[in-house]
Structure formats: structure tokens, C-alpha cells
Amino acid sequence: MGRPIAHVAKDLGIHKEALRGCVRQARRTPVNATTGRPPPIGKSSGSSAGRTRS
């Protein structure tokens, strides 16, 4: 595995629960098998990023 979240969070100077939330979100994010990266944010992702309300 790796280092405990509490140790990494302390090294980064953030609360362990903040880091734990980021780790959980990263584990839920689908990853492209070819690039090893999450898909780009766009219209197909269902995200509302970049849209404005009027």
C-alpha cells in the first residue's frame, strides 16, 4: 500500500479528513486506461463546469 493518510496530510499541512475526501473522490473518478488520466471535463461528462446561469 502506501503511507497512512494522516502522515501524508501532516506533511502537506492539511487536515486528514480533507485529504481523505480527495482520495475518495479520486478513487471514484474513472481513469482512461491508455493515458492513466481522468477524462477531460466537457459536455459529455455531465459536468456543469463552465456554464453560467442567467
C-alpha atoms as a PDB file:
ATOM      1  CA  MET A   1       0.000   0.000   0.000  1.00  0.00           C
ATOM      2  CA  GLY A   2       1.432   3.382   0.924  1.00  0.00           C
ATOM      3  CA  ARG A   3       1.783   5.778   3.803  1.00  0.00           C
ATOM      4  CA  PRO A   4      -1.155   6.419   6.138  1.00  0.00           C
ATOM      5  CA  ILE A   5      -3.364   9.355   5.129  1.00  0.00           C
ATOM      6  CA  ALA A   6      -2.756  11.037   8.489  1.00  0.00           C
ATOM      7  CA  HIS A   7       1.011  11.103   7.889  1.00  0.00           C
ATOM      8  CA  VAL A   8       0.708  12.478   4.355  1.00  0.00           C
ATOM      9  CA  ALA A   9      -1.825  15.096   5.480  1.00  0.00           C
ATOM     10  CA  LYS A  10       0.522  16.243   8.236  1.00  0.00           C
ATOM     11  CA  ASP A  11       3.378  16.567   5.717  1.00  0.00           C
ATOM     12  CA  LEU A  12       1.116  18.635   3.449  1.00  0.00           C
ATOM     13  CA  GLY A  13      -0.171  20.759   6.310  1.00  0.00           C
ATOM     14  CA  ILE A  14      -3.844  19.892   5.778  1.00  0.00           C
ATOM     15  CA  HIS A  15      -6.442  18.111   7.882  1.00  0.00           C
ATOM     16  CA  LYS A  16      -6.519  14.350   7.402  1.00  0.00           C
ATOM     17  CA  GLU A  17     -10.256  14.370   6.597  1.00  0.00           C
ATOM     18  CA  ALA A  18      -9.695  16.905   3.802  1.00  0.00           C
ATOM     19  CA  LEU A  19      -7.114  14.622   2.234  1.00  0.00           C
ATOM     20  CA  ARG A  20      -9.299  11.565   2.802  1.00  0.00           C
ATOM     21  CA  GLY A  21     -12.130  13.243   0.863  1.00  0.00           C
ATOM     22  CA  CYS A  22      -9.785  13.978  -2.032  1.00  0.00           C
ATOM     23  CA  VAL A  23      -8.562  10.385  -2.063  1.00  0.00           C
ATOM     24  CA  ARG A  24     -12.119   9.025  -2.061  1.00  0.00           C
ATOM     25  CA  GLN A  25     -13.095  11.312  -4.929  1.00  0.00           C
ATOM     26  CA  ALA A  26     -10.009  10.288  -6.917  1.00  0.00           C
ATOM     27  CA  ARG A  27     -10.844   6.624  -6.407  1.00  0.00           C
ATOM     28  CA  ARG A  28     -14.380   7.183  -7.774  1.00  0.00           C
ATOM     29  CA  THR A  29     -13.166   9.089 -10.851  1.00  0.00           C
ATOM     30  CA  PRO A  30     -12.891   6.882 -13.942  1.00  0.00           C
ATOM     31  CA  VAL A  31      -9.414   6.743 -15.458  1.00  0.00           C
ATOM     32  CA  ASN A  32      -8.505   6.333 -19.129  1.00  0.00           C
ATOM     33  CA  ALA A  33      -6.662   3.009 -19.477  1.00  0.00           C
ATOM     34  CA  THR A  34      -4.373   4.415 -22.175  1.00  0.00           C
ATOM     35  CA  THR A  35      -3.251   7.678 -20.565  1.00  0.00           C
ATOM     36  CA  GLY A  36      -3.842   6.885 -16.895  1.00  0.00           C
ATOM     37  CA  ARG A  37      -5.627  10.226 -16.525  1.00  0.00           C
ATOM     38  CA  PRO A  38      -9.258  11.137 -15.907  1.00  0.00           C
ATOM     39  CA  PRO A  39     -11.265  12.194 -18.968  1.00  0.00           C
ATOM     40  CA  PRO A  40     -11.264  15.915 -19.806  1.00  0.00           C
ATOM     41  CA  ILE A  41     -14.122  17.961 -18.430  1.00  0.00           C
ATOM     42  CA  GLY A  42     -16.567  18.684 -21.200  1.00  0.00           C
ATOM     43  CA  LYS A  43     -20.148  18.432 -22.321  1.00  0.00           C
ATOM     44  CA  SER A  44     -20.063  14.639 -22.382  1.00  0.00           C
ATOM     45  CA  SER A  45     -19.019  14.372 -18.730  1.00  0.00           C
ATOM     46  CA  GLY A  46     -22.292  15.843 -17.460  1.00  0.00           C
ATOM     47  CA  SER A  47     -20.404  18.474 -15.529  1.00  0.00           C
ATOM     48  CA  SER A  48     -21.775  21.985 -15.213  1.00  0.00           C
ATOM     49  CA  ALA A  49     -18.289  23.495 -15.155  1.00  0.00           C
ATOM     50  CA  GLY A  50     -18.004  26.460 -17.430  1.00  0.00           C
ATOM     51  CA  ARG A  51     -21.734  27.033 -17.699  1.00  0.00           C
ATOM     52  CA  THR A  52     -23.356  30.159 -16.346  1.00  0.00           C
ATOM     53  CA  ARG A  53     -26.835  30.720 -15.083  1.00  0.00           C
ATOM     54  CA  SER A  54     -28.914  33.614 -16.299  1.00  0.00           C
END
